[in-house]
Amino acid sequence: MRRLLLASAFSLITLGAAQAGEQYVDESGFALGGYDAVAYFDLKQAPVGSHQPAAVPGKANITVEYNGAMWAFASEANRTKFLADPAKYAPAYDGHCAYGIAQGGKVPGNPNLWRIVDGKLYLNITPTVVGFWESDIPGNLTKAESNWPAKESEAASTQSWKAIDDNKGTYTASAPIAN
């Protein structure tokens, strides 16, 4: 009986540790602001210091729920890829700003201010913050990874990345797009 209790307790601990924190969802009602998480991995990434290509809007009728949020995709093929390995495609830090996490905060990520590092998608909040992030990506990742365990259980940001003046011009259309 004692072994059963210990095994049950261990299962609950490991299950809890595997769960992600609360996903950032903006006013669109979708994770990543309705942009396609898989499509980032098909875009040609710009060199550090250059603007990245715009995120690819998802479609409102090609969706899946993951980590308590609705995700939109540009194609059924991308939806299928996401379903096969959502952790591969979902942005780090539940869609919050990577530099913000490195600095000990939890603020929204702008889906058009992105970078893939070692196969993981990272977002930042404003173009100005992208400059800080890119000035020392390895150092900022080390800080963010150190801070994330304490920040992960906090509630997701409720701030709108579109409401920040510095983000004007970082997007031209809202996502997801109608079918």
Foldseek 3Di string as FASTA:
>chain_A
DVVVVVVVVVVVVVVVVPAFFAADDAPCQAGLLQFQLQVVVVFDADPQPDFGPFTHHFEPVQWDDDSNGIHGHPDVVSSVVCVVPVQLRQAPLNQFALLQLLVQHAHHFNSRAWDADPSHIHGHQAPVVSNVCSVCVPSSNVSNVVRSVVCGHDHHDHDHSVPDPRCVPSDDDGHDDYD
